[in-house]
Protein backbone atom coordinates (compact mmCIF):
# COMPACT_ATOMS: atom_id res chain seq x y z
CA MET A 1 157.35 172.78 152.41
CA TYR A 2 157.18 170.58 149.37
CA THR A 3 157.64 173.01 146.30
CA SER A 4 161.32 173.43 146.43
CA PHE A 5 161.49 169.21 146.90
CA PHE A 6 159.94 168.81 143.49
CA GLY A 7 161.67 172.06 141.94
CA LEU A 8 158.06 173.83 141.94
CA ASN A 9 157.47 177.60 141.80
CA GLU A 10 153.83 177.24 144.34
CA LYS A 11 151.44 174.50 145.28
CA PRO A 12 149.77 172.85 141.70
CA PHE A 13 147.09 172.01 143.53
CA SER A 14 145.33 174.69 145.77
CA ILE A 15 141.84 174.76 145.68
CA THR A 16 141.31 178.43 145.40
CA PRO A 17 140.21 179.33 141.77
CA ASP A 18 142.66 180.44 140.15
CA PRO A 19 142.61 181.74 136.88
CA ARG A 20 146.18 180.61 136.10
CA TYR A 21 145.56 177.40 136.57
CA LEU A 22 142.17 176.73 134.61
CA PHE A 23 142.18 173.56 132.39
CA MET A 24 140.48 174.27 129.39
CA SER A 25 138.51 170.57 128.60
CA GLU A 26 136.43 170.28 126.28
CA ARG A 27 133.46 170.72 128.50
CA HIS A 28 134.99 173.81 130.74
CA GLY A 29 135.72 175.56 127.10
CA GLU A 30 132.05 174.62 126.04
CA ALA A 31 131.14 176.37 129.54
CA LEU A 32 133.47 179.17 128.92
CA ALA A 33 132.28 180.01 125.43
CA HIS A 34 128.29 180.41 126.89
CA LEU A 35 129.76 182.79 129.32
CA VAL A 36 131.02 184.78 126.84
CA TYR A 37 128.54 184.61 124.78
CA GLY A 38 126.28 185.59 127.54
CA VAL A 39 128.11 189.09 127.94
CA THR A 40 129.09 189.88 124.59
CA GLU A 41 125.37 189.76 123.45
CA SER A 42 122.10 191.28 124.63
CA GLY A 43 119.13 190.19 127.02
CA GLY A 44 118.03 187.26 129.01
CA PHE A 45 119.21 185.08 131.58
CA MET A 46 122.92 182.61 131.27
CA GLN A 47 122.62 179.93 133.48
CA LEU A 48 125.70 177.66 134.24
CA THR A 49 125.47 174.34 136.96
CA GLY A 50 128.11 172.32 137.41
CA GLU A 51 128.89 169.65 140.50
CA VAL A 52 130.73 170.82 143.58
CA GLY A 53 133.86 171.23 142.57
CA THR A 54 133.88 171.07 139.09
CA GLY A 55 135.72 174.31 138.31
CA LYS A 56 132.78 176.59 137.99
CA THR A 57 133.87 179.46 140.17
CA THR A 58 137.10 179.20 138.33
CA LEU A 59 134.95 179.72 135.16
CA VAL A 60 133.54 182.78 136.46
CA ARG A 61 136.84 184.73 137.56
CA THR A 62 138.28 183.88 133.90
CA LEU A 63 135.38 185.44 132.65
CA LEU A 64 135.63 188.52 135.31
CA LEU A 65 139.07 188.79 134.61
CA ASN A 66 139.80 187.80 130.81
CA ARG A 67 137.04 187.51 129.09
CA MET A 68 134.96 191.22 130.13
CA PRO A 69 134.22 193.51 127.61
CA ALA A 70 136.10 196.44 128.05
CA ASN A 71 132.69 198.36 128.20
CA ALA A 72 130.69 196.26 130.98
CA GLU A 73 129.71 197.09 134.53
CA VAL A 74 129.52 193.66 136.64
CA ALA A 75 128.40 193.24 140.13
CA VAL A 76 128.66 189.81 141.49
CA VAL A 77 126.60 188.69 144.36
CA LEU A 78 128.40 185.55 146.51
CA ASN A 79 126.37 185.92 149.13
CA PRO A 80 122.72 183.99 148.11
CA GLN A 81 121.07 184.12 152.06
CA LEU A 82 120.41 187.12 151.59
CA SER A 83 116.03 188.56 152.02
CA ALA A 84 115.16 190.81 148.91
CA ARG A 85 115.97 194.35 150.03
CA GLU A 86 119.27 193.12 150.81
CA PHE A 87 119.59 191.22 147.46
CA LEU A 88 119.07 194.72 145.79
CA ALA A 89 121.16 196.77 148.18
CA THR A 90 123.98 194.48 146.84
CA ILE A 91 123.57 194.92 143.68
CA CYS A 92 122.98 198.89 144.09
CA GLU A 93 126.37 198.84 146.39
CA GLU A 94 128.35 196.34 143.56
CA LEU A 95 127.57 198.63 140.78
CA GLY A 96 128.06 201.91 142.86
CA VAL A 97 124.86 203.24 142.93
CA THR A 98 123.62 205.77 145.09
CA VAL A 99 121.17 204.47 148.27
CA PRO A 100 118.10 206.22 148.64
CA ALA A 101 117.88 207.26 152.29
CA GLU A 102 114.73 204.94 152.60
CA LYS A 103 116.46 201.97 152.77
CA GLY A 104 113.71 199.73 153.15
CA SER A 105 111.73 200.67 150.43
CA ILE A 106 112.26 198.18 148.15
CA LYS A 107 110.31 200.65 145.28
CA ALA A 108 113.03 202.93 145.71
CA LEU A 109 116.10 200.29 145.42
CA ILE A 110 114.83 199.22 141.73
CA ASP A 111 114.38 202.76 140.70
CA SER A 112 117.68 203.73 141.56
CA LEU A 113 118.99 201.03 139.71
CA ASN A 114 116.79 201.30 136.79
CA GLN A 115 118.35 204.71 136.75
CA HIS A 116 121.40 203.78 136.39
CA LEU A 117 120.99 201.28 133.95
CA LEU A 118 119.46 204.14 131.88
CA ASP A 119 122.43 206.06 132.72
CA THR A 120 124.86 203.18 131.20
CA HIS A 121 123.13 202.21 128.49
CA ALA A 122 122.81 205.53 127.02
CA ASP A 123 127.12 205.74 127.39
CA GLY A 124 126.94 202.74 125.37
CA ARG A 125 128.24 200.78 128.19
CA ARG A 126 126.40 196.98 129.34
CA THR A 127 125.94 195.85 132.86
CA ILE A 128 126.20 191.97 134.02
CA LEU A 129 125.00 190.53 137.16
CA VAL A 130 127.15 187.14 138.35
CA MET A 131 124.85 185.29 140.87
CA ASP A 132 127.10 182.09 142.11
CA GLU A 133 125.20 179.07 144.26
CA ALA A 134 122.01 180.71 142.81
CA GLN A 135 120.40 177.62 143.62
CA ASN A 136 120.12 178.75 147.34
CA LEU A 137 118.55 181.67 146.48
CA ALA A 138 115.10 182.06 148.47
CA PRO A 139 112.40 181.70 146.29
CA ASP A 140 110.98 185.99 147.07
CA VAL A 141 114.98 186.90 145.77
CA LEU A 142 114.12 184.48 142.33
CA GLU A 143 110.78 186.91 141.64
CA GLU A 144 113.54 189.36 142.25
CA VAL A 145 115.45 188.13 139.58
CA ARG A 146 112.34 188.24 137.43
CA LEU A 147 111.36 191.87 137.88
CA LEU A 148 114.91 192.58 137.66
CA THR A 149 114.77 191.51 133.89
CA ASN A 150 111.82 194.06 133.03
CA LEU A 151 113.64 196.87 133.20
CA GLU A 152 114.50 197.24 129.50
CA THR A 153 114.60 199.79 126.71
CA ALA A 154 112.48 199.14 123.41
CA LYS A 155 115.12 197.03 121.91
CA GLN A 156 116.93 195.45 124.73
CA LYS A 157 117.38 194.23 128.62
CA LEU A 158 119.48 196.49 130.13
CA LEU A 159 120.38 193.70 132.56
CA GLN A 160 121.90 190.42 131.58
CA ILE A 161 121.90 188.21 134.25
CA ILE A 162 123.99 184.79 135.06
CA LEU A 163 123.27 182.27 137.47
CA ILE A 164 126.04 180.29 138.79
CA GLY A 165 125.28 177.22 140.51
CA GLN A 166 124.48 173.17 141.42
CA PRO A 167 122.50 170.68 139.60
CA GLU A 168 120.14 171.55 142.34
CA LEU A 169 119.14 174.91 140.07
CA ARG A 170 118.05 172.99 137.55
CA ASP A 171 115.39 171.84 139.74
CA VAL A 172 114.18 175.08 141.23
CA LEU A 173 113.34 176.82 137.93
CA ALA A 174 111.62 173.86 137.23
CA ARG A 175 108.89 174.68 139.73
CA ASN A 176 105.86 175.62 138.48
CA ASP A 177 105.55 178.96 140.22
CA LEU A 178 109.60 179.45 138.60
CA ARG A 179 108.36 178.79 135.09
CA GLN A 180 107.97 183.31 133.91
CA LEU A 181 111.72 182.98 135.48
CA ALA A 182 112.75 180.09 133.67
CA GLN A 183 111.63 180.82 130.13
CA ARG A 184 113.94 183.67 130.13
CA ILE A 185 116.62 181.87 129.92
CA THR A 186 118.01 181.82 126.96
CA GLY A 187 121.58 179.90 127.47
CA ARG A 188 122.18 177.13 129.79
CA TYR A 189 125.14 174.88 130.23
CA HIS A 190 125.85 171.30 132.58
CA LEU A 191 129.49 171.22 133.28
CA GLU A 192 130.62 167.41 133.34
CA PRO A 193 133.50 166.34 135.32
CA LEU A 194 136.44 165.38 133.82
CA SER A 195 137.17 161.86 131.65
CA ARG A 196 139.97 159.78 132.85
CA ASP A 197 142.42 160.87 130.85
CA GLU A 198 141.67 165.07 130.72
CA THR A 199 142.16 164.17 134.53
CA ALA A 200 145.62 162.58 134.21
CA GLN A 201 145.66 166.18 131.48
CA TYR A 202 144.70 167.78 134.22
CA ILE A 203 147.19 166.84 136.84
CA GLU A 204 150.06 167.47 134.20
CA HIS A 205 148.59 171.17 133.02
CA ARG A 206 148.70 172.42 136.88
CA LEU A 207 152.18 171.17 137.42
CA LYS A 208 153.70 172.59 134.59
CA VAL A 209 151.79 176.04 135.43
CA ALA A 210 153.37 175.62 138.63
CA GLY A 211 156.90 175.23 137.05
CA ALA A 212 157.65 170.93 137.17
CA LEU A 213 159.86 170.64 134.14
CA GLY A 214 159.64 166.34 134.63
CA GLU A 215 156.25 164.03 135.55
CA VAL A 216 155.83 163.39 139.05
CA PHE A 217 152.45 161.32 139.02
CA ASP A 218 152.96 157.89 137.25
CA ALA A 219 150.29 157.07 134.92
CA GLY A 220 149.17 154.60 137.93
CA ALA A 221 148.96 157.00 139.85
CA LYS A 222 147.15 159.79 137.51
CA ARG A 223 144.22 156.80 137.32
CA GLU A 224 143.91 155.90 141.30
CA VAL A 225 143.00 159.96 141.57
CA PHE A 226 140.69 159.41 138.70
CA ARG A 227 139.58 156.55 140.18
CA LEU A 228 138.90 158.28 143.99
CA SER A 229 137.78 161.85 142.48
CA GLN A 230 135.50 160.52 139.54
CA GLY A 231 137.30 163.40 137.12
CA VAL A 232 136.20 166.41 140.02
CA PRO A 233 138.47 168.97 139.71
CA ARG A 234 138.24 170.25 143.14
CA LEU A 235 139.12 166.24 144.56
CA ILE A 236 141.43 166.08 142.14
CA ASN A 237 143.69 168.62 143.70
CA VAL A 238 142.86 167.86 147.38
CA ILE A 239 143.79 164.68 146.66
CA CYS A 240 146.90 165.23 144.46
CA ASP A 241 148.24 168.17 146.98
CA ARG A 242 148.40 165.31 149.88
CA ALA A 243 149.53 162.50 148.31
CA LEU A 244 152.46 165.46 146.92
CA LEU A 245 152.98 165.50 151.02
CA GLY A 246 153.67 162.18 151.56
CA ALA A 247 155.66 161.88 148.61
CA TYR A 248 158.07 164.10 149.82
CA SER A 249 158.18 163.32 153.53
CA SER A 250 159.12 159.76 152.25
CA GLU A 251 162.07 161.19 149.70
CA ASN A 252 160.33 160.26 146.68
CA ARG A 253 160.05 162.16 143.90
CA ARG A 254 157.33 160.34 141.92
CA VAL A 255 154.01 159.83 143.50
CA ASN A 256 152.63 156.50 143.02
CA ARG A 257 148.89 154.87 142.88
CA ARG A 258 149.63 153.43 146.39
CA MET A 259 150.54 157.03 147.35
CA VAL A 260 147.99 158.47 145.92
CA ARG A 261 144.88 155.70 148.04
CA ARG A 262 147.12 156.56 151.29
CA ALA A 263 146.07 160.47 150.68
CA ALA A 264 142.58 159.72 149.74
CA ALA A 265 142.27 157.36 153.15
CA GLU A 266 143.85 160.64 155.19
CA ILE A 267 141.74 162.77 153.58
CA ARG A 268 138.60 160.48 154.11
CA GLY A 269 139.20 159.87 157.77
CA LYS A 270 139.42 156.16 156.64
CA PRO A 271 142.48 153.88 157.41
CA ASP A 272 143.82 152.71 154.42
CA ALA A 273 142.89 148.68 153.83
CA VAL A 274 146.69 148.47 152.64
CA SER A 275 148.91 150.56 155.53
CA TRP A 276 146.60 148.03 157.22
CA LEU A 277 147.80 144.89 154.99
CA ARG A 278 150.97 146.04 155.64
CA TRP A 279 150.93 146.53 159.01
CA ALA A 280 148.85 142.94 160.15
CA ILE A 281 151.25 140.85 158.33
CA PRO A 282 154.40 141.46 160.14
CA VAL A 283 152.70 140.87 163.42
CA PHE A 284 150.51 137.84 162.78
CA GLY A 285 153.07 136.09 160.60
CA ILE A 286 156.95 137.15 161.22
CA ALA A 287 158.36 134.72 162.36
CA ALA A 288 157.03 132.64 159.58
CA THR A 289 158.14 135.27 157.65
CA ALA A 290 161.87 134.91 159.05
CA VAL A 291 162.11 131.11 158.65
CA ILE A 292 161.34 131.59 154.88
CA ALA A 293 163.12 134.52 153.95
CA ALA A 294 166.28 133.54 155.90
CA GLY A 295 166.08 129.95 154.38
CA PHE A 296 166.14 131.78 150.95
CA LEU A 297 168.48 134.09 151.23
CA SER A 298 170.62 131.88 152.81
CA ALA A 299 170.63 129.33 149.65
CA LEU A 300 171.32 132.47 147.61
CA ASP A 301 174.22 133.56 149.43
CA GLU A 302 175.96 129.71 148.78
CA ARG A 303 175.09 130.01 145.53
CA ARG A 304 176.78 133.28 145.02
CA GLU A 305 179.90 131.97 146.84
CA ILE A 306 179.89 128.60 144.29
CA ILE A 307 179.54 131.41 141.58
CA ASP A 308 182.08 134.11 143.28
CA HIS A 309 184.60 131.18 143.89
CA ASN A 310 184.39 129.15 140.72
CA ILE A 311 183.34 126.09 143.23
CA ASP A 312 181.47 123.24 140.77
CA PRO A 313 179.38 122.07 142.62
CA PRO A 314 179.76 118.83 144.43
CA VAL A 315 179.04 114.97 142.83
CA ALA A 316 177.41 112.61 144.87
CA LEU A 317 179.35 108.50 144.05
CA ALA A 318 177.60 105.82 144.21
CA ALA A 319 178.88 102.77 146.89
CA PRO A 320 181.01 100.58 144.32
CA GLN A 321 179.10 97.58 143.27
CA PRO A 322 181.57 94.34 143.28
CA ASP A 323 184.12 93.47 140.38
CA THR A 324 182.86 97.09 138.51
CA GLU A 325 183.88 100.48 138.39
CA PRO A 326 182.88 103.45 140.69
CA VAL A 327 179.60 104.95 138.97
CA VAL A 328 179.04 108.48 139.24
CA VAL A 329 175.55 109.98 139.48
CA ALA A 330 175.20 113.24 138.44
CA PRO A 331 173.28 115.75 141.29
CA GLU A 332 169.38 116.66 140.13
CA PRO A 333 169.29 119.65 138.47
CA GLU A 334 168.33 122.16 141.25
CA PRO A 335 165.19 124.25 140.32
CA GLU A 336 165.77 127.79 139.19
CA VAL A 337 163.67 130.32 141.90
CA SER A 338 161.98 133.14 139.87
CA LEU A 339 162.20 136.50 140.71
CA ASP A 340 158.48 136.47 141.40
CA ALA A 341 159.09 134.20 143.92
CA GLN A 342 162.57 135.61 145.65
CA LEU A 343 161.14 139.33 146.02
CA GLN A 344 157.73 137.90 147.85
CA VAL A 345 159.85 135.83 150.13
CA ALA A 346 161.79 138.81 150.41
CA GLY A 347 158.94 140.45 151.18
CA ASP A 348 160.23 143.50 154.15
CA LEU A 349 163.83 143.37 153.33
CA THR A 350 162.74 145.26 149.73
CA ASN A 351 161.65 148.45 150.89
CA LYS A 352 162.85 151.75 150.30
CA GLU A 353 165.53 151.83 153.48
CA ALA A 354 167.04 148.38 152.06
CA ALA A 355 167.45 149.58 149.01
CA LEU A 356 169.73 152.79 149.65
CA ILE A 357 171.63 151.02 152.09
CA THR A 358 172.88 148.44 149.16
CA LEU A 359 173.24 152.13 146.96
CA LEU A 360 175.09 154.23 149.36
CA GLN A 361 177.57 151.75 150.11
CA ARG A 362 178.57 150.74 146.46
CA TRP A 363 179.31 154.78 146.46
CA GLY A 364 181.49 154.16 149.73
CA LEU A 365 178.75 155.76 151.55
CA GLU A 366 178.14 154.88 155.17
CA TYR A 367 173.87 154.89 155.69
CA ARG A 368 172.72 156.55 159.29
CA SER A 369 169.42 155.41 160.41
CA ASP A 370 168.95 158.42 162.38
CA ALA A 371 168.60 160.21 158.20
CA THR A 372 166.86 160.15 155.05
CA GLY A 373 169.08 158.42 152.29
CA CYS A 374 168.59 161.41 150.02
CA SER A 375 169.63 163.42 153.11
CA GLN A 376 172.58 161.73 153.30
CA ALA A 377 173.96 161.00 149.98
CA ALA A 378 173.52 165.22 149.47
CA ALA A 379 175.66 166.14 152.70
CA ALA A 380 178.54 164.02 150.74
CA GLY A 381 177.74 166.12 147.58
CA TYR A 382 175.58 163.79 145.76
CA GLU A 383 172.09 164.12 144.64
CA CYS A 384 169.30 161.48 144.30
CA LEU A 385 167.64 161.04 140.54
CA PHE A 386 164.67 159.74 139.98
CA GLN A 387 163.54 158.66 136.89
CA ARG A 388 161.80 156.55 134.42
CA GLY A 389 163.38 155.50 131.44
CA SER A 390 164.76 151.98 129.62
CA TRP A 391 167.34 149.63 129.78
CA SER A 392 169.57 151.17 127.01
CA GLY A 393 169.14 155.09 129.10
CA LEU A 394 170.16 152.78 132.25
CA ARG A 395 173.13 151.83 129.86
CA GLN A 396 173.99 154.97 129.14
CA TYR A 397 174.03 156.63 132.67
CA ASP A 398 176.36 153.27 134.09
CA ARG A 399 175.82 153.80 137.26
CA PRO A 400 173.71 151.74 139.64
CA ALA A 401 169.86 152.03 140.07
CA VAL A 402 167.45 151.36 142.55
CA LEU A 403 164.59 149.70 140.19
CA THR A 404 161.01 150.16 141.62
CA LEU A 405 159.75 146.36 140.76
CA ILE A 406 156.30 145.07 141.20
CA ASP A 407 155.71 141.72 141.75
CA HIS A 408 152.28 139.41 140.41
CA GLN A 409 151.13 140.10 143.52
CA GLY A 410 150.45 143.70 143.01
CA ALA A 411 152.94 144.30 145.94
CA THR A 412 155.87 147.07 145.26
CA HIS A 413 159.64 145.96 145.76
CA ASN A 414 162.83 148.18 145.59
CA VAL A 415 166.03 146.60 144.48
CA VAL A 416 169.50 147.67 143.44
CA LEU A 417 170.95 146.90 140.20
CA THR A 418 174.74 146.48 140.27
CA ALA A 419 175.52 145.08 136.77
CA ILE A 420 174.40 144.58 133.64
CA GLU A 421 176.66 141.75 131.16
CA GLY A 422 174.92 141.54 128.24
CA GLU A 423 170.89 139.75 128.84
CA MET A 424 171.34 139.21 132.21
CA ALA A 425 170.45 141.63 134.99
CA GLU A 426 172.60 141.38 138.77
CA LEU A 427 170.09 142.54 141.46
CA SER A 428 170.73 143.16 144.34
CA ILE A 429 167.13 141.98 147.15
CA GLY A 430 167.66 142.91 150.81
CA GLY A 431 171.56 142.79 150.16
CA VAL A 432 171.73 139.49 148.18
CA THR A 433 173.28 138.77 144.90
CA VAL A 434 170.85 136.98 142.43
CA THR A 435 171.02 137.31 139.17
CA HIS A 436 167.73 137.22 135.97
CA GLU A 437 167.35 137.81 132.23
CA LEU A 438 166.83 140.98 131.80
CA ALA A 439 163.66 140.16 129.75
CA ASP A 440 162.00 138.46 133.62
CA VAL A 441 162.80 142.08 134.93
CA SER A 442 161.11 143.58 132.32
CA ASP A 443 157.88 141.48 133.30
CA MET A 444 157.82 143.63 137.07
CA TRP A 445 159.62 146.68 136.04
CA PHE A 446 157.39 149.86 134.68
CA GLY A 447 160.25 152.21 133.90
CA GLN A 448 160.78 153.73 137.47
CA TYR A 449 164.64 154.37 139.28
CA MET A 450 166.58 155.99 141.34
CA LEU A 451 170.55 156.62 141.23
CA LEU A 452 173.24 158.66 142.47
CA TRP A 453 175.41 161.45 140.76
CA ARG A 454 177.12 164.73 141.54
CA PRO A 455 176.36 167.89 140.43
CA PRO A 456 178.88 170.19 139.83
CA ASN A 457 179.83 172.33 142.50
CA GLY A 458 177.43 171.03 144.68
CA ALA A 459 174.45 173.08 143.04
CA SER A 460 171.98 171.30 140.64
CA MET A 461 170.49 173.14 137.76
CA ALA A 462 169.84 172.73 134.52
CA LEU A 463 172.34 175.32 132.15
CA GLY A 464 170.92 176.71 129.06
CA PRO A 465 171.26 179.63 127.06
CA GLY A 466 171.89 182.76 129.37
CA SER A 467 173.20 181.19 132.35
CA ARG A 468 176.30 181.96 134.77
CA GLY A 469 178.19 180.97 137.12
CA ALA A 470 181.11 178.08 138.22
CA ASN A 471 178.45 175.91 136.47
CA VAL A 472 178.98 177.09 132.76
CA VAL A 473 183.02 176.53 133.18
CA TRP A 474 182.45 173.55 134.69
CA LEU A 475 180.63 172.61 131.25
CA ARG A 476 182.62 173.97 129.22
CA GLN A 477 186.03 172.37 130.97
CA SER A 478 183.99 169.29 130.89
CA LEU A 479 183.45 169.01 127.20
CA ALA A 480 186.28 170.43 125.90
CA ALA A 481 188.18 167.13 128.08
CA ILE A 482 186.04 164.41 126.60
CA ASP A 483 187.29 165.69 122.85
CA ASP A 484 188.70 168.07 121.80
CA ARG A 485 185.96 168.69 118.94
CA TYR A 486 183.48 170.07 121.80
CA GLN A 487 186.14 172.73 122.86
CA THR A 488 184.94 176.43 122.83
CA THR A 489 186.82 179.97 122.34
CA ALA A 490 186.07 181.12 125.07
CA ALA A 491 187.75 178.32 127.66
CA ASN A 492 187.24 179.80 131.35
CA SER A 493 184.01 182.00 130.39
CA ASN A 494 181.10 182.01 132.73
CA ILE A 495 178.76 182.60 130.08
CA PHE A 496 176.21 180.26 128.10
CA ASP A 497 176.14 181.92 124.70
CA ALA A 498 175.61 180.75 121.83
CA GLU A 499 178.73 178.78 120.73
CA LEU A 500 178.56 176.56 123.88
CA GLN A 501 174.92 175.81 122.94
CA GLU A 502 176.15 174.34 119.65
CA GLN A 503 179.03 172.72 121.10
CA VAL A 504 176.33 171.06 123.71
CA ARG A 505 174.42 170.09 120.72
CA ALA A 506 176.79 168.19 119.17
CA PHE A 507 177.46 166.51 121.97
CA GLN A 508 173.90 165.56 122.68
CA ARG A 509 173.86 164.53 119.21
CA ASP A 510 176.58 162.05 119.16
CA HIS A 511 175.22 160.03 122.03
CA ARG A 512 171.71 160.28 121.51
CA LEU A 513 170.60 161.95 123.43
CA SER A 514 167.29 164.75 123.53
CA VAL A 515 169.50 167.31 121.14
CA ASP A 516 167.69 171.08 122.41
CA GLY A 517 171.67 172.29 123.51
CA LEU A 518 170.32 172.90 126.74
CA ALA A 519 172.30 170.88 129.58
CA GLY A 520 169.85 169.44 132.07
CA HIS A 521 170.15 166.56 134.27
CA GLN A 522 170.97 163.70 131.42
CA THR A 523 173.39 165.67 129.54
CA GLN A 524 175.51 166.88 133.18
CA ILE A 525 174.86 163.19 134.48
CA ILE A 526 176.22 161.65 131.00
CA ILE A 527 179.49 164.20 131.32
CA ASN A 528 179.68 163.10 134.63
CA THR A 529 179.79 159.30 134.21
CA LEU A 530 182.52 160.12 130.41
CA LEU A 531 184.69 161.55 133.34
CA ALA A 532 184.15 159.69 136.43
CA PRO A 533 187.52 157.74 137.43
CA ASP A 534 188.02 154.21 137.75
CA ASN A 535 187.08 153.76 141.48
CA THR A 536 183.44 154.83 140.92
CA PRO A 537 181.02 152.65 140.97
CA ARG A 538 179.64 150.95 136.98
CA LEU A 539 177.20 149.36 135.67
CA THR A 540 178.10 147.83 132.93
CA VAL A 541 180.57 145.29 132.63
CA PRO A 542 182.50 143.81 130.04
CA ARG A 543 181.54 139.84 128.66
CA LEU A 544 183.78 137.26 130.34
CA ALA A 545 184.31 136.19 126.46
CA GLN A 546 186.37 139.29 125.90
CA GLU A 547 188.59 139.77 128.85
């Protein structure tokens, strides 16, 4: 559902144990090394334990598919709820051992299995038994496991056994009546959950395997995933998958901390406290909020008119005294309203919808309530680009952008950056224009923004060596239109060749972009900005002193 929205080839957080997605943390690397040792060295038991969802089964799948010796035969028992006879019969079936006619005889099953093990050993092959969910094996089955280790030659064991289970397996094997089995375990490893840093790396790893080209979860979201999952991979997958679905539903290409919390609450079936408060505040205090917001916005409108029309503030005159000249009394300086205060008073006027209305208006597009803002932009040939960057990057793009700000109370606000002049930023808060220093905005802005751009030929795609089509022709002709130095020999060729790659590198070098020779979104947007007509909304404005 959301894969194409985020540019993914497949869902990155499926809970099925796919070895392609194995994240080799330090703990998982050590665990896999123990398992590989167990299948390449002769004899004995290997024991791997870990909490539910820590990745034990994925490790085993990786072992079976990629790290097994070529001469190994493997029997895998996934269902621990078996009787002793069923357990032995399952092993025989897994190994292709002919089951004797007297199926009820455990001795007959063991004799057949022993003969098969001797035959495979004589052929230079080894046999490995893997048992998952081993903590649920019945005592009589565990006793049969112990007896299987007695199948041996004078020099080595004929069967290698790997027990995979939850931490309870350690308690089971610690029982006094199973001490003979426990003493035969030659290697033990307990798989711990991921650390906070490993959780962030795990999320990025799975997204990249699924085809993600940029950051999808911001740093705060990753920290929140760790807090809620405590580093358990399966919980990470479930929370992240739900968070991606929520981001897709609200047309956010970046997952933040609030979306992660909401996703976790939906999974648990408990209401999200933050969401509850968001709805409770309007119910119990909407009248007071509306009055305060109306007064604040009205004051901002009056100040904007004074600035726009260059009207000096009124000057109060004191009543004249006899035989004296009228005395001019200077007005009290009006206290400045901080950005934090403006955001908190504006409240619901800084939601995403209000910001998109303003942004679309800057591009001459009318917002309709029957469709999302980005879908309306797409219908007009534009695309929403969600990025994390800096002031210098925004100056270079030179187009209005929706900034995500976080006030001192931790609430999120969406405002539109409409202009930058020197060290001052002009913002639209709920449709009202205010001005603040860049440093003040930076205190609440952590680099997340969204802007509109027009992909060439209505198709948004990265261009690189081997690319073909009309967009490659657009790239050649656009570079040549910007500067003759970027002109290529084959001006109308639709193939991205080595010469075009060198011209792209030159363009990127001249404009202080990442020099990789690939025309991605950033390079294409800068080209669009340089070729944009005069009526295109701009972000940077000249200083008044230079006009």
